[in-house]
Each structure stands twice: as structure tokens, then as C-alpha cells.
């Protein structure tokens, strides 16, 4: 056996981490309904005898929240955190809240009284989350003395990313929609340049995919307006058009220029790069 296999045999956390990381890597694009996972973990706590050692205080959940992490991995991460709390010698009161902060889906868990969260368990959780660019933060690092509070913060990539496609070709839009199945992105479509700024106000897109050949306005003029307007200049624009002039597109404010037809890997890579520049 390899050294890693022998370690896994004597370290259940290591085996669990390896299994969950393999699961995530074997199913790329699978996402978590964060609210559903939280509710399933809380239901599990209620069913086990040790669950009586957890006093659930305020729980603040949005209507919906999705994250780029396999639901089995997220469920195990939350269970590992809560399991530490219910093993404490005195009942723990938990306050849980989650929501979107920037590009992250964030879960906050506060426990009172505080307790020392084992470093090895912290590391296991952190490594599971890191597979999809997530993080675990503990405040403070060593936990607080009993009588105070320990706070944990689980960060994952938020997958509610809106792509506003400005293109008059419905077949192209359908192709983009197929490309983005099981990815962090969903499409909102407008077929004309007129009304684009009103649509941006309503949709608040994370990124815009712009065709230059539009029926009612000049795409280059539209790109210039997007870059010059204080309301829209911070929204990254990807030009995707049969009119391929990358130098002009970048000079007018586009982040990336793609020629049509574009392949799925190139399209997704462009979205990733536009939203997460190196």
C-alpha cells in the first residue's frame, strides 16, 4: 500500500476528505442548494440523542442560495462543525445565518459558549472546501474561552451568476444556454441594443456577452457607452461576434473578445476569466 493509503486506514478524517475530494472532482459542475443542505443537517441533529446538546437560536436563511460545492461535501462540512459543538460538556447555543457576500456564498455559525475547535478537524474541512475555492475561517484561530463565543465562517463560490446576452440570434442564445447547464451561470437574453441599460438596471448582471452585429444599434457604439457610463463600466463585457477585432474590442472597454462560433470550453473559460481575473 502507498503511504497515503496507510494513513487513510488509521485516520478516518483523511479517508473522508479523500472520498469527498474525489467525489467533487468526478462530478464537476454539480452544485449545492445551500438552504436544502442546511435544513437536512438540522433535521439530522434533531433525530440523534446528542442533538439535545445543541440549542438552536436565530437562523437566518435567504429564499435561495446555491454554491459551487457538491451537496455531499457541504453536508459533511456542516456536520463536522456541528458535531464538535454537540460533543461539548455543556449545551451550545448556535446562531446560523447565510447569504451572498460579493462573489461568495457564506455561512456564518456562532456558538456560545466558546470551545476549542481541533486544528486537525479545521484542516480537513478547509481542504474539502479548497477543492472548489472555498475557505474556512475561525475567529479567533484557537477558539475563545468557555463563556465567550466561537465563530466559524464557511465561504464557497456563489453560483447565482447572471450572464446578460445581447444577441439577435436565438439559436446562438440556445447554444449558450446548453453550454452553461450545470455551471455557476444562467442567461438572461435581450435581442436588441435598445433598452439594454434599462435591462441592466433590472437584472444587475455579473457579466455581459455582446454581439457587435445587432439589428438596431452599432455594437461598437454600445460597447463604448457601456464602458463610459458610471453605472455600467464595472460590469465586465465579453464581445462574441463574427466581426472579430480583438484589439478594437479591448480598446473600447471589453475584457475579452471571442470569435463566433465559440466552443463550450472557450466560452466558460472567458466567463471565468472575466469575473475572476488573475
C-alpha atoms as a PDB file:
ATOM      1  CA  UNK A   1       0.000   0.000   0.000  1.00  0.00           C
ATOM      2  CA  UNK A   2       1.080   3.597  -0.551  1.00  0.00           C
ATOM      3  CA  UNK A   3       1.844   5.844   2.395  1.00  0.00           C
ATOM      4  CA  UNK A   4      -1.343   7.824   1.708  1.00  0.00           C
ATOM      5  CA  UNK A   5      -3.484   4.670   1.767  1.00  0.00           C
ATOM      6  CA  UNK A   6      -1.943   3.525   5.055  1.00  0.00           C
ATOM      7  CA  UNK A   7      -2.572   6.951   6.611  1.00  0.00           C
ATOM      8  CA  UNK A   8      -6.198   6.836   5.489  1.00  0.00           C
ATOM      9  CA  UNK A   9      -6.691   3.483   7.195  1.00  0.00           C
ATOM     10  CA  UNK A  10      -5.753   4.930  10.582  1.00  0.00           C
ATOM     11  CA  UNK A  11      -7.173   8.426  10.036  1.00  0.00           C
ATOM     12  CA  UNK A  12     -10.916   8.465   9.270  1.00  0.00           C
ATOM     13  CA  UNK A  13     -10.841  12.217   8.604  1.00  0.00           C
ATOM     14  CA  UNK A  14      -8.204  11.705   5.918  1.00  0.00           C
ATOM     15  CA  UNK A  15     -10.240   8.965   4.263  1.00  0.00           C
ATOM     16  CA  UNK A  16     -13.353  11.130   4.389  1.00  0.00           C
ATOM     17  CA  UNK A  17     -11.502  14.087   2.907  1.00  0.00           C
ATOM     18  CA  UNK A  18     -10.092  11.951   0.093  1.00  0.00           C
ATOM     19  CA  UNK A  19     -13.511  10.456  -0.678  1.00  0.00           C
ATOM     20  CA  UNK A  20     -15.232  13.842  -0.785  1.00  0.00           C
ATOM     21  CA  UNK A  21     -12.492  15.421  -2.887  1.00  0.00           C
ATOM     22  CA  UNK A  22     -12.689  12.515  -5.335  1.00  0.00           C
ATOM     23  CA  UNK A  23     -16.475  12.907  -5.459  1.00  0.00           C
ATOM     24  CA  UNK A  24     -16.188  16.605  -6.233  1.00  0.00           C
ATOM     25  CA  UNK A  25     -13.574  16.035  -8.932  1.00  0.00           C
ATOM     26  CA  UNK A  26     -15.591  13.228 -10.548  1.00  0.00           C
ATOM     27  CA  UNK A  27     -18.703  15.409 -10.790  1.00  0.00           C
ATOM     28  CA  UNK A  28     -17.556  18.875 -11.892  1.00  0.00           C
ATOM     29  CA  UNK A  29     -20.312  21.432 -12.134  1.00  0.00           C
ATOM     30  CA  UNK A  30     -22.521  19.774  -9.510  1.00  0.00           C
ATOM     31  CA  UNK A  31     -23.797  22.484  -7.199  1.00  0.00           C
ATOM     32  CA  UNK A  32     -25.405  22.685  -3.766  1.00  0.00           C
ATOM     33  CA  UNK A  33     -28.764  24.086  -2.814  1.00  0.00           C
ATOM     34  CA  UNK A  34     -27.325  25.565   0.376  1.00  0.00           C
ATOM     35  CA  UNK A  35     -30.676  26.076   2.102  1.00  0.00           C
ATOM     36  CA  UNK A  36     -31.752  22.493   1.443  1.00  0.00           C
ATOM     37  CA  UNK A  37     -28.449  21.134   2.751  1.00  0.00           C
ATOM     38  CA  UNK A  38     -28.653  23.232   5.931  1.00  0.00           C
ATOM     39  CA  UNK A  39     -32.181  22.003   6.601  1.00  0.00           C
ATOM     40  CA  UNK A  40     -31.171  18.380   6.067  1.00  0.00           C
ATOM     41  CA  UNK A  41     -28.298  18.733   8.554  1.00  0.00           C
ATOM     42  CA  UNK A  42     -30.559  20.374  11.136  1.00  0.00           C
ATOM     43  CA  UNK A  43     -33.098  17.568  10.693  1.00  0.00           C
ATOM     44  CA  UNK A  44     -30.324  15.039  11.347  1.00  0.00           C
ATOM     45  CA  UNK A  45     -29.314  16.859  14.537  1.00  0.00           C
ATOM     46  CA  UNK A  46     -32.902  16.710  15.780  1.00  0.00           C
ATOM     47  CA  UNK A  47     -33.044  12.942  15.254  1.00  0.00           C
ATOM     48  CA  UNK A  48     -29.964  11.948  17.250  1.00  0.00           C
ATOM     49  CA  UNK A  49     -29.747  11.836  21.071  1.00  0.00           C
ATOM     50  CA  UNK A  50     -26.703  14.130  21.176  1.00  0.00           C
ATOM     51  CA  UNK A  51     -28.723  16.744  19.318  1.00  0.00           C
ATOM     52  CA  UNK A  52     -30.290  17.854  22.584  1.00  0.00           C
ATOM     53  CA  UNK A  53     -26.904  19.363  23.443  1.00  0.00           C
ATOM     54  CA  UNK A  54     -27.434  21.988  20.729  1.00  0.00           C
ATOM     55  CA  UNK A  55     -29.753  24.912  21.374  1.00  0.00           C
ATOM     56  CA  UNK A  56     -30.684  26.417  18.024  1.00  0.00           C
ATOM     57  CA  UNK A  57     -31.058  30.181  18.323  1.00  0.00           C
ATOM     58  CA  UNK A  58     -31.594  32.587  15.454  1.00  0.00           C
ATOM     59  CA  UNK A  59     -31.423  31.013  11.987  1.00  0.00           C
ATOM     60  CA  UNK A  60     -31.408  33.441   9.055  1.00  0.00           C
ATOM     61  CA  UNK A  61     -31.771  31.831   5.623  1.00  0.00           C
ATOM     62  CA  UNK A  62     -32.446  33.545   2.285  1.00  0.00           C
ATOM     63  CA  UNK A  63     -35.081  32.139  -0.040  1.00  0.00           C
ATOM     64  CA  UNK A  64     -32.416  30.555  -2.208  1.00  0.00           C
ATOM     65  CA  UNK A  65     -28.654  30.193  -2.281  1.00  0.00           C
ATOM     66  CA  UNK A  66     -26.520  27.961  -4.466  1.00  0.00           C
ATOM     67  CA  UNK A  67     -22.823  27.230  -4.136  1.00  0.00           C
ATOM     68  CA  UNK A  68     -20.107  25.553  -6.190  1.00  0.00           C
ATOM     69  CA  UNK A  69     -19.626  22.557  -3.917  1.00  0.00           C
ATOM     70  CA  UNK A  70     -21.035  19.041  -4.108  1.00  0.00           C
ATOM     71  CA  UNK A  71     -24.005  18.767  -1.701  1.00  0.00           C
ATOM     72  CA  UNK A  72     -22.494  15.699  -0.034  1.00  0.00           C
ATOM     73  CA  UNK A  73     -19.321  17.666   0.679  1.00  0.00           C
ATOM     74  CA  UNK A  74     -21.212  20.669   2.054  1.00  0.00           C
ATOM     75  CA  UNK A  75     -23.415  18.427   4.193  1.00  0.00           C
ATOM     76  CA  UNK A  76     -20.357  16.752   5.688  1.00  0.00           C
ATOM     77  CA  UNK A  77     -18.608  20.076   6.324  1.00  0.00           C
ATOM     78  CA  UNK A  78     -21.590  21.411   8.268  1.00  0.00           C
ATOM     79  CA  UNK A  79     -21.999  18.153  10.147  1.00  0.00           C
ATOM     80  CA  UNK A  80     -18.321  18.127  11.180  1.00  0.00           C
ATOM     81  CA  UNK A  81     -18.686  21.656  12.569  1.00  0.00           C
ATOM     82  CA  UNK A  82     -21.925  20.989  14.434  1.00  0.00           C
ATOM     83  CA  UNK A  83     -20.687  17.612  15.686  1.00  0.00           C
ATOM     84  CA  UNK A  84     -17.846  19.372  17.508  1.00  0.00           C
ATOM     85  CA  UNK A  85     -20.407  21.602  19.217  1.00  0.00           C
ATOM     86  CA  UNK A  86     -22.698  18.820  20.398  1.00  0.00           C
ATOM     87  CA  UNK A  87     -19.748  16.912  21.878  1.00  0.00           C
ATOM     88  CA  UNK A  88     -19.020  19.717  24.351  1.00  0.00           C
ATOM     89  CA  UNK A  89     -19.678  19.112  28.081  1.00  0.00           C
ATOM     90  CA  UNK A  90     -22.237  21.937  28.271  1.00  0.00           C
ATOM     91  CA  UNK A  91     -25.041  22.713  25.799  1.00  0.00           C
ATOM     92  CA  UNK A  92     -24.056  25.018  22.969  1.00  0.00           C
ATOM     93  CA  UNK A  93     -26.304  27.734  21.575  1.00  0.00           C
ATOM     94  CA  UNK A  94     -25.943  28.141  17.807  1.00  0.00           C
ATOM     95  CA  UNK A  95     -26.812  31.148  15.668  1.00  0.00           C
ATOM     96  CA  UNK A  96     -26.669  30.470  11.922  1.00  0.00           C
ATOM     97  CA  UNK A  97     -27.004  32.890   9.050  1.00  0.00           C
ATOM     98  CA  UNK A  98     -26.060  32.722   5.414  1.00  0.00           C
ATOM     99  CA  UNK A  99     -26.186  34.847   2.302  1.00  0.00           C
ATOM    100  CA  UNK A 100     -24.211  36.320  -0.565  1.00  0.00           C
ATOM    101  CA  UNK A 101     -21.159  38.497   0.049  1.00  0.00           C
ATOM    102  CA  UNK A 102     -19.610  39.651  -3.206  1.00  0.00           C
ATOM    103  CA  UNK A 103     -18.899  36.551  -5.286  1.00  0.00           C
ATOM    104  CA  UNK A 104     -19.157  34.236  -2.272  1.00  0.00           C
ATOM    105  CA  UNK A 105     -21.924  32.187  -0.705  1.00  0.00           C
ATOM    106  CA  UNK A 106     -21.189  32.491   3.010  1.00  0.00           C
ATOM    107  CA  UNK A 107     -22.424  30.552   6.044  1.00  0.00           C
ATOM    108  CA  UNK A 108     -21.772  32.025   9.492  1.00  0.00           C
ATOM    109  CA  UNK A 109     -22.051  29.784  12.561  1.00  0.00           C
ATOM    110  CA  UNK A 110     -21.698  31.290  16.037  1.00  0.00           C
ATOM    111  CA  UNK A 111     -21.537  29.042  19.119  1.00  0.00           C
ATOM    112  CA  UNK A 112     -21.916  30.137  22.746  1.00  0.00           C
ATOM    113  CA  UNK A 113     -20.147  29.279  24.997  1.00  0.00           C
ATOM    114  CA  UNK A 114     -16.948  29.066  23.020  1.00  0.00           C
ATOM    115  CA  UNK A 115     -14.848  25.934  22.648  1.00  0.00           C
ATOM    116  CA  UNK A 116     -11.552  24.947  21.094  1.00  0.00           C
ATOM    117  CA  UNK A 117     -12.080  23.646  17.581  1.00  0.00           C
ATOM    118  CA  UNK A 118      -9.434  20.961  16.853  1.00  0.00           C
ATOM    119  CA  UNK A 119      -6.844  22.112  14.347  1.00  0.00           C
ATOM    120  CA  UNK A 120      -6.833  18.754  12.564  1.00  0.00           C
ATOM    121  CA  UNK A 121     -10.584  18.983  12.007  1.00  0.00           C
ATOM    122  CA  UNK A 122     -10.225  22.583  10.807  1.00  0.00           C
ATOM    123  CA  UNK A 123      -7.625  21.467   8.287  1.00  0.00           C
ATOM    124  CA  UNK A 124      -9.786  18.622   6.989  1.00  0.00           C
ATOM    125  CA  UNK A 125     -12.735  20.954   6.439  1.00  0.00           C
ATOM    126  CA  UNK A 126     -10.541  23.608   4.819  1.00  0.00           C
ATOM    127  CA  UNK A 127      -9.062  21.087   2.368  1.00  0.00           C
ATOM    128  CA  UNK A 128     -12.521  19.823   1.378  1.00  0.00           C
ATOM    129  CA  UNK A 129     -13.637  23.386   0.662  1.00  0.00           C
ATOM    130  CA  UNK A 130     -10.444  24.297  -1.197  1.00  0.00           C
ATOM    131  CA  UNK A 131     -11.299  21.850  -3.990  1.00  0.00           C
ATOM    132  CA  UNK A 132     -13.817  24.448  -5.192  1.00  0.00           C
ATOM    133  CA  UNK A 133     -12.000  27.588  -3.984  1.00  0.00           C
ATOM    134  CA  UNK A 134     -13.862  27.671  -0.675  1.00  0.00           C
ATOM    135  CA  UNK A 135     -12.437  28.593   2.720  1.00  0.00           C
ATOM    136  CA  UNK A 136     -12.995  28.075   6.428  1.00  0.00           C
ATOM    137  CA  UNK A 137     -12.250  30.843   8.918  1.00  0.00           C
ATOM    138  CA  UNK A 138     -12.338  30.525  12.705  1.00  0.00           C
ATOM    139  CA  UNK A 139     -12.465  33.603  14.935  1.00  0.00           C
ATOM    140  CA  UNK A 140     -10.191  33.550  16.813  1.00  0.00           C
ATOM    141  CA  UNK A 141      -7.902  30.823  15.491  1.00  0.00           C
ATOM    142  CA  UNK A 142      -7.693  28.871  18.722  1.00  0.00           C
ATOM    143  CA  UNK A 143     -11.296  29.338  19.819  1.00  0.00           C
ATOM    144  CA  UNK A 144     -12.345  31.523  22.728  1.00  0.00           C
ATOM    145  CA  UNK A 145     -12.530  30.585  26.404  1.00  0.00           C
ATOM    146  CA  UNK A 146     -15.707  28.981  27.680  1.00  0.00           C
ATOM    147  CA  UNK A 147     -18.261  31.693  28.374  1.00  0.00           C
ATOM    148  CA  UNK A 148     -17.478  33.572  25.191  1.00  0.00           C
ATOM    149  CA  UNK A 149     -18.252  32.807  21.572  1.00  0.00           C
ATOM    150  CA  UNK A 150     -16.589  30.873  18.775  1.00  0.00           C
ATOM    151  CA  UNK A 151     -17.460  31.949  15.235  1.00  0.00           C
ATOM    152  CA  UNK A 152     -16.919  29.970  12.054  1.00  0.00           C
ATOM    153  CA  UNK A 153     -17.273  31.262   8.517  1.00  0.00           C
ATOM    154  CA  UNK A 154     -17.660  28.897   5.557  1.00  0.00           C
ATOM    155  CA  UNK A 155     -17.086  30.551   2.169  1.00  0.00           C
ATOM    156  CA  UNK A 156     -17.917  28.991  -1.196  1.00  0.00           C
ATOM    157  CA  UNK A 157     -18.252  30.348  -4.711  1.00  0.00           C
ATOM    158  CA  UNK A 158     -21.746  31.719  -5.261  1.00  0.00           C
ATOM    159  CA  UNK A 159     -23.233  30.195  -8.415  1.00  0.00           C
ATOM    160  CA  UNK A 160     -26.061  32.621  -8.952  1.00  0.00           C
ATOM    161  CA  UNK A 161     -24.059  34.419 -11.645  1.00  0.00           C
ATOM    162  CA  UNK A 162     -26.155  36.202 -14.265  1.00  0.00           C
ATOM    163  CA  UNK A 163     -24.927  36.450 -17.858  1.00  0.00           C
ATOM    164  CA  UNK A 164     -26.773  39.079 -19.914  1.00  0.00           C
ATOM    165  CA  UNK A 165     -26.508  38.059 -23.574  1.00  0.00           C
ATOM    166  CA  UNK A 166     -27.111  40.795 -26.152  1.00  0.00           C
ATOM    167  CA  UNK A 167     -27.630  38.909 -29.421  1.00  0.00           C
ATOM    168  CA  UNK A 168     -30.409  38.807 -32.028  1.00  0.00           C
ATOM    169  CA  UNK A 169     -29.775  35.160 -32.995  1.00  0.00           C
ATOM    170  CA  UNK A 170     -31.984  32.847 -30.870  1.00  0.00           C
ATOM    171  CA  UNK A 171     -30.061  29.766 -31.998  1.00  0.00           C
ATOM    172  CA  UNK A 172     -26.851  31.213 -30.590  1.00  0.00           C
ATOM    173  CA  UNK A 173     -28.574  32.026 -27.312  1.00  0.00           C
ATOM    174  CA  UNK A 174     -29.921  28.465 -27.052  1.00  0.00           C
ATOM    175  CA  UNK A 175     -26.404  27.188 -27.706  1.00  0.00           C
ATOM    176  CA  UNK A 176     -25.035  29.346 -24.888  1.00  0.00           C
ATOM    177  CA  UNK A 177     -27.779  28.059 -22.586  1.00  0.00           C
ATOM    178  CA  UNK A 178     -26.783  24.461 -23.341  1.00  0.00           C
ATOM    179  CA  UNK A 179     -23.152  25.352 -22.717  1.00  0.00           C
ATOM    180  CA  UNK A 180     -23.976  26.655 -19.242  1.00  0.00           C
ATOM    181  CA  UNK A 181     -26.010  23.725 -17.933  1.00  0.00           C
ATOM    182  CA  UNK A 182     -24.565  22.597 -14.551  1.00  0.00           C
ATOM    183  CA  UNK A 183     -22.288  25.626 -14.314  1.00  0.00           C
ATOM    184  CA  UNK A 184     -22.392  28.639 -11.985  1.00  0.00           C
ATOM    185  CA  UNK A 185     -24.006  30.740 -14.725  1.00  0.00           C
ATOM    186  CA  UNK A 186     -27.500  31.396 -16.026  1.00  0.00           C
ATOM    187  CA  UNK A 187     -28.521  33.508 -19.006  1.00  0.00           C
ATOM    188  CA  UNK A 188     -30.821  36.479 -19.400  1.00  0.00           C
ATOM    189  CA  UNK A 189     -31.336  37.449 -23.050  1.00  0.00           C
ATOM    190  CA  UNK A 190     -32.058  40.686 -24.873  1.00  0.00           C
ATOM    191  CA  UNK A 191     -32.180  40.676 -28.683  1.00  0.00           C
ATOM    192  CA  UNK A 192     -31.697  44.405 -29.317  1.00  0.00           C
ATOM    193  CA  UNK A 193     -29.428  47.126 -28.093  1.00  0.00           C
ATOM    194  CA  UNK A 194     -32.330  49.451 -27.398  1.00  0.00           C
ATOM    195  CA  UNK A 195     -33.423  49.050 -23.801  1.00  0.00           C
ATOM    196  CA  UNK A 196     -30.132  47.468 -22.736  1.00  0.00           C
ATOM    197  CA  UNK A 197     -29.445  49.933 -19.939  1.00  0.00           C
ATOM    198  CA  UNK A 198     -32.959  49.521 -18.553  1.00  0.00           C
ATOM    199  CA  UNK A 199     -32.463  45.744 -18.635  1.00  0.00           C
ATOM    200  CA  UNK A 200     -29.164  46.095 -16.807  1.00  0.00           C
ATOM    201  CA  UNK A 201     -30.905  48.076 -14.053  1.00  0.00           C
ATOM    202  CA  UNK A 202     -33.494  45.305 -13.646  1.00  0.00           C
ATOM    203  CA  UNK A 203     -31.240  42.251 -13.974  1.00  0.00           C
ATOM    204  CA  UNK A 204     -27.976  43.574 -12.483  1.00  0.00           C
ATOM    205  CA  UNK A 205     -25.868  41.098 -14.485  1.00  0.00           C
ATOM    206  CA  UNK A 206     -22.473  39.877 -13.373  1.00  0.00           C
ATOM    207  CA  UNK A 207     -21.170  39.862 -16.953  1.00  0.00           C
ATOM    208  CA  UNK A 208     -22.414  40.914 -20.404  1.00  0.00           C
ATOM    209  CA  UNK A 209     -21.858  38.929 -23.621  1.00  0.00           C
ATOM    210  CA  UNK A 210     -22.245  41.343 -26.530  1.00  0.00           C
ATOM    211  CA  UNK A 211     -22.678  40.663 -30.236  1.00  0.00           C
ATOM    212  CA  UNK A 212     -21.436  43.501 -32.416  1.00  0.00           C
ATOM    213  CA  UNK A 213     -23.865  42.811 -35.300  1.00  0.00           C
ATOM    214  CA  UNK A 214     -27.164  43.982 -33.810  1.00  0.00           C
ATOM    215  CA  UNK A 215     -30.237  44.954 -35.869  1.00  0.00           C
ATOM    216  CA  UNK A 216     -30.917  48.340 -34.295  1.00  0.00           C
ATOM    217  CA  UNK A 217     -27.662  49.823 -32.989  1.00  0.00           C
ATOM    218  CA  UNK A 218     -23.954  49.674 -33.717  1.00  0.00           C
ATOM    219  CA  UNK A 219     -22.369  47.206 -31.324  1.00  0.00           C
ATOM    220  CA  UNK A 220     -19.140  49.191 -31.090  1.00  0.00           C
ATOM    221  CA  UNK A 221     -21.084  52.292 -30.028  1.00  0.00           C
ATOM    222  CA  UNK A 222     -22.933  50.218 -27.452  1.00  0.00           C
ATOM    223  CA  UNK A 223     -19.667  48.855 -26.070  1.00  0.00           C
ATOM    224  CA  UNK A 224     -18.323  52.402 -25.768  1.00  0.00           C
ATOM    225  CA  UNK A 225     -21.452  53.524 -23.909  1.00  0.00           C
ATOM    226  CA  UNK A 226     -21.176  50.594 -21.503  1.00  0.00           C
ATOM    227  CA  UNK A 227     -17.584  51.478 -20.700  1.00  0.00           C
ATOM    228  CA  UNK A 228     -18.173  55.233 -20.382  1.00  0.00           C
ATOM    229  CA  UNK A 229     -21.273  55.057 -18.194  1.00  0.00           C
ATOM    230  CA  UNK A 230     -20.518  55.108 -14.433  1.00  0.00           C
ATOM    231  CA  UNK A 231     -23.482  52.743 -13.948  1.00  0.00           C
ATOM    232  CA  UNK A 232     -22.048  50.002 -16.148  1.00  0.00           C
ATOM    233  CA  UNK A 233     -18.299  50.451 -16.538  1.00  0.00           C
ATOM    234  CA  UNK A 234     -17.574  47.957 -13.742  1.00  0.00           C
ATOM    235  CA  UNK A 235     -19.593  45.177 -15.415  1.00  0.00           C
ATOM    236  CA  UNK A 236     -17.182  43.047 -17.487  1.00  0.00           C
ATOM    237  CA  UNK A 237     -18.119  42.757 -21.162  1.00  0.00           C
ATOM    238  CA  UNK A 238     -17.187  39.856 -23.437  1.00  0.00           C
ATOM    239  CA  UNK A 239     -17.511  40.612 -27.140  1.00  0.00           C
ATOM    240  CA  UNK A 240     -18.547  37.472 -29.026  1.00  0.00           C
ATOM    241  CA  UNK A 241     -19.138  38.146 -32.699  1.00  0.00           C
ATOM    242  CA  UNK A 242     -18.360  37.107 -36.260  1.00  0.00           C
ATOM    243  CA  UNK A 243     -16.839  40.578 -36.515  1.00  0.00           C
ATOM    244  CA  UNK A 244     -13.568  39.663 -34.857  1.00  0.00           C
ATOM    245  CA  UNK A 245     -11.397  42.641 -33.959  1.00  0.00           C
ATOM    246  CA  UNK A 246      -9.884  41.878 -30.538  1.00  0.00           C
ATOM    247  CA  UNK A 247      -7.683  44.991 -30.453  1.00  0.00           C
ATOM    248  CA  UNK A 248     -10.635  47.313 -31.068  1.00  0.00           C
ATOM    249  CA  UNK A 249     -12.851  45.425 -28.605  1.00  0.00           C
ATOM    250  CA  UNK A 250     -10.283  45.699 -25.824  1.00  0.00           C
ATOM    251  CA  UNK A 251      -9.549  49.348 -26.644  1.00  0.00           C
ATOM    252  CA  UNK A 252     -13.251  50.185 -26.290  1.00  0.00           C
ATOM    253  CA  UNK A 253     -13.512  48.533 -22.884  1.00  0.00           C
ATOM    254  CA  UNK A 254     -14.213  44.836 -23.416  1.00  0.00           C
ATOM    255  CA  UNK A 255     -12.463  42.402 -21.084  1.00  0.00           C
ATOM    256  CA  UNK A 256     -12.291  39.587 -23.641  1.00  0.00           C
ATOM    257  CA  UNK A 257     -13.034  39.157 -27.351  1.00  0.00           C
ATOM    258  CA  UNK A 258     -14.200  35.812 -28.757  1.00  0.00           C
ATOM    259  CA  UNK A 259     -14.825  34.905 -32.396  1.00  0.00           C
ATOM    260  CA  UNK A 260     -18.018  33.121 -33.412  1.00  0.00           C
ATOM    261  CA  UNK A 261     -18.614  30.243 -33.434  1.00  0.00           C
ATOM    262  CA  UNK A 262     -17.241  29.709 -29.941  1.00  0.00           C
ATOM    263  CA  UNK A 263     -16.734  26.315 -28.324  1.00  0.00           C
ATOM    264  CA  UNK A 264     -18.068  25.493 -24.868  1.00  0.00           C
ATOM    265  CA  UNK A 265     -14.676  25.329 -23.042  1.00  0.00           C
ATOM    266  CA  UNK A 266     -13.645  28.697 -24.503  1.00  0.00           C
ATOM    267  CA  UNK A 267     -16.984  30.288 -23.596  1.00  0.00           C
ATOM    268  CA  UNK A 268     -16.906  29.086 -19.996  1.00  0.00           C
ATOM    269  CA  UNK A 269     -13.227  29.970 -19.630  1.00  0.00           C
ATOM    270  CA  UNK A 270     -13.954  33.503 -20.837  1.00  0.00           C
ATOM    271  CA  UNK A 271     -16.751  33.912 -18.272  1.00  0.00           C
ATOM    272  CA  UNK A 272     -14.485  32.624 -15.511  1.00  0.00           C
ATOM    273  CA  UNK A 273     -11.657  34.950 -16.519  1.00  0.00           C
ATOM    274  CA  UNK A 274     -13.909  37.985 -16.855  1.00  0.00           C
ATOM    275  CA  UNK A 275     -15.332  37.509 -13.365  1.00  0.00           C
ATOM    276  CA  UNK A 276     -12.214  36.214 -11.645  1.00  0.00           C
ATOM    277  CA  UNK A 277      -9.257  37.987 -13.269  1.00  0.00           C
ATOM    278  CA  UNK A 278      -5.859  36.680 -12.213  1.00  0.00           C
END
